[in-house]
Amino acid sequence: MPPEDEQQPDSALKADFLEDLANVMVTARRSLADQRGVIKELIT
């Protein structure tokens, strides 16, 4: 977030960001659960 003395994002923008973040965290948790908590290195 910007410093308190700077312009702040509006509530709708913050809510959208937090919803997206929550969805990413749920996806990550499911992925880790599917792998029994093992994080695999991807070689590309």
Protein backbone atom coordinates (compact mmCIF):
# COMPACT_ATOMS: atom_id res chain seq x y z
CA MET A 1 0.00 0.00 0.00
CA PRO A 2 1.15 3.55 -0.49
CA PRO A 3 2.38 5.49 2.54
CA GLU A 4 -0.40 7.01 4.65
CA ASP A 5 0.30 10.52 3.34
CA GLU A 6 -0.15 9.41 -0.30
CA GLN A 7 -3.38 8.82 -2.21
CA GLN A 8 -4.89 5.46 -1.23
CA PRO A 9 -6.66 3.03 -3.56
CA ASP A 10 -10.42 3.00 -3.21
CA SER A 11 -12.20 0.28 -1.25
CA ALA A 12 -13.44 -1.56 -4.35
CA LEU A 13 -9.91 -1.84 -5.74
CA LYS A 14 -8.58 -3.14 -2.42
CA ALA A 15 -11.43 -5.67 -2.20
CA ASP A 16 -10.73 -6.92 -5.74
CA PHE A 17 -7.04 -7.30 -4.96
CA LEU A 18 -7.74 -9.20 -1.74
CA GLU A 19 -10.21 -11.51 -3.48
CA ASP A 20 -7.65 -12.30 -6.20
CA LEU A 21 -4.97 -12.90 -3.56
CA ALA A 22 -7.25 -15.24 -1.62
CA ASN A 23 -8.01 -17.24 -4.78
CA VAL A 24 -4.30 -17.60 -5.56
CA MET A 25 -3.62 -18.79 -2.02
CA VAL A 26 -6.42 -21.38 -2.20
CA THR A 27 -5.01 -22.66 -5.50
CA ALA A 28 -1.51 -22.88 -4.02
CA ARG A 29 -2.79 -24.73 -0.94
CA ARG A 30 -4.64 -27.24 -3.12
CA SER A 31 -1.56 -27.74 -5.26
CA LEU A 32 0.61 -28.41 -2.21
CA ALA A 33 -1.99 -30.77 -0.77
CA ASP A 34 -2.06 -32.71 -4.05
CA GLN A 35 1.73 -33.11 -3.78
CA ARG A 36 1.58 -34.02 -0.06
CA GLY A 37 3.37 -30.75 0.73
CA VAL A 38 6.37 -31.43 -1.51
CA ILE A 39 7.45 -28.53 -3.67
CA LYS A 40 8.92 -29.79 -6.93
CA GLU A 41 11.49 -27.90 -8.95
CA LEU A 42 10.39 -27.29 -12.51
CA ILE A 43 13.13 -27.57 -15.09
CA THR A 44 12.33 -25.70 -18.27
